[in-house]
Amino acid sequence: MMLAYTFISVPYGALLGVVKGDSQQRTTLTSFRFIGTFLGDSLVAYMIPELLAYLGQGNEALG
């Protein structure tokens, strides 16, 4: 999982220097990126048990 995160994260971090020349704007974009990552991770962490219960109809192994 960490290897997949690295493959995704490194290009985004490298592109910020090309997209924005102003360091304040880069910092703002990076902040929004990490906020979005946190919200997405939280949503996935909440939804997985819910999907297991729904799809497995009470049986987590089946879900």
C-alpha atoms as a PDB file:
ATOM      1  CA  MET A   1       0.000   0.000   0.000  1.00  0.00           C
ATOM      2  CA  MET A   2       2.824   2.372   0.792  1.00  0.00           C
ATOM      3  CA  LEU A   3       4.430   1.640  -2.571  1.00  0.00           C
ATOM      4  CA  ALA A   4       1.178   2.525  -4.338  1.00  0.00           C
ATOM      5  CA  TYR A   5       0.935   5.723  -2.286  1.00  0.00           C
ATOM      6  CA  THR A   6       4.498   6.617  -3.291  1.00  0.00           C
ATOM      7  CA  PHE A   7       3.745   6.093  -6.991  1.00  0.00           C
ATOM      8  CA  ILE A   8       0.771   8.426  -6.717  1.00  0.00           C
ATOM      9  CA  SER A   9       2.192  11.003  -4.316  1.00  0.00           C
ATOM     10  CA  VAL A  10       5.603  11.731  -5.849  1.00  0.00           C
ATOM     11  CA  PRO A  11       4.314  13.035  -9.213  1.00  0.00           C
ATOM     12  CA  TYR A  12       1.799  15.326  -7.514  1.00  0.00           C
ATOM     13  CA  GLY A  13       4.491  16.752  -5.267  1.00  0.00           C
ATOM     14  CA  ALA A  14       6.869  17.249  -8.187  1.00  0.00           C
ATOM     15  CA  LEU A  15       4.254  18.935 -10.370  1.00  0.00           C
ATOM     16  CA  LEU A  16       3.504  21.642  -7.814  1.00  0.00           C
ATOM     17  CA  GLY A  17       6.862  23.279  -8.498  1.00  0.00           C
ATOM     18  CA  VAL A  18       6.041  23.447 -12.209  1.00  0.00           C
ATOM     19  CA  VAL A  19       2.421  24.545 -11.870  1.00  0.00           C
ATOM     20  CA  LYS A  20       2.915  27.373  -9.382  1.00  0.00           C
ATOM     21  CA  GLY A  21       5.976  29.577  -9.028  1.00  0.00           C
ATOM     22  CA  ASP A  22       4.805  31.215  -5.812  1.00  0.00           C
ATOM     23  CA  SER A  23       5.706  29.237  -2.692  1.00  0.00           C
ATOM     24  CA  GLN A  24       2.599  30.473  -0.828  1.00  0.00           C
ATOM     25  CA  GLN A  25       0.329  29.111  -3.564  1.00  0.00           C
ATOM     26  CA  ARG A  26       2.197  25.788  -3.531  1.00  0.00           C
ATOM     27  CA  THR A  27       1.713  25.581   0.229  1.00  0.00           C
ATOM     28  CA  THR A  28      -2.007  26.278  -0.148  1.00  0.00           C
ATOM     29  CA  LEU A  29      -2.395  23.635  -2.871  1.00  0.00           C
ATOM     30  CA  THR A  30      -0.487  21.091  -0.792  1.00  0.00           C
ATOM     31  CA  SER A  31      -2.723  21.820   2.190  1.00  0.00           C
ATOM     32  CA  PHE A  32      -5.857  21.246   0.122  1.00  0.00           C
ATOM     33  CA  ARG A  33      -4.358  18.043  -1.261  1.00  0.00           C
ATOM     34  CA  PHE A  34      -3.716  16.660   2.211  1.00  0.00           C
ATOM     35  CA  ILE A  35      -7.149  17.730   3.463  1.00  0.00           C
ATOM     36  CA  GLY A  36      -8.722  15.905   0.500  1.00  0.00           C
ATOM     37  CA  THR A  37      -6.593  12.851   1.213  1.00  0.00           C
ATOM     38  CA  PHE A  38      -7.673  12.823   4.844  1.00  0.00           C
ATOM     39  CA  LEU A  39     -11.348  13.184   3.938  1.00  0.00           C
ATOM     40  CA  GLY A  40     -11.121  10.449   1.312  1.00  0.00           C
ATOM     41  CA  ASP A  41      -9.338   8.091   3.698  1.00  0.00           C
ATOM     42  CA  SER A  42     -11.918   8.766   6.392  1.00  0.00           C
ATOM     43  CA  LEU A  43     -14.769   8.089   3.974  1.00  0.00           C
ATOM     44  CA  VAL A  44     -13.239   4.786   2.879  1.00  0.00           C
ATOM     45  CA  ALA A  45     -12.563   3.748   6.490  1.00  0.00           C
ATOM     46  CA  TYR A  46     -16.208   4.458   7.344  1.00  0.00           C
ATOM     47  CA  MET A  47     -17.717   2.855   4.255  1.00  0.00           C
ATOM     48  CA  ILE A  48     -15.843  -0.472   4.237  1.00  0.00           C
ATOM     49  CA  PRO A  49     -17.555  -1.891   7.343  1.00  0.00           C
ATOM     50  CA  GLU A  50     -20.886  -0.575   6.096  1.00  0.00           C
ATOM     51  CA  LEU A  51     -20.394  -2.239   2.710  1.00  0.00           C
ATOM     52  CA  LEU A  52     -19.332  -5.498   4.356  1.00  0.00           C
ATOM     53  CA  ALA A  53     -22.500  -5.531   6.410  1.00  0.00           C
ATOM     54  CA  TYR A  54     -24.704  -4.611   3.446  1.00  0.00           C
ATOM     55  CA  LEU A  55     -23.176  -6.908   0.844  1.00  0.00           C
ATOM     56  CA  GLY A  56     -22.606  -9.813   3.187  1.00  0.00           C
ATOM     57  CA  GLN A  57     -26.009  -9.483   4.870  1.00  0.00           C
ATOM     58  CA  GLY A  58     -24.419  -9.941   8.284  1.00  0.00           C
ATOM     59  CA  ASN A  59     -21.642 -12.299   7.139  1.00  0.00           C
ATOM     60  CA  GLU A  60     -18.375 -10.299   6.895  1.00  0.00           C
ATOM     61  CA  ALA A  61     -16.551 -13.093   5.073  1.00  0.00           C
ATOM     62  CA  LEU A  62     -19.228 -13.141   2.389  1.00  0.00           C
ATOM     63  CA  GLY A  63     -19.315  -9.327   2.204  1.00  0.00           C
END
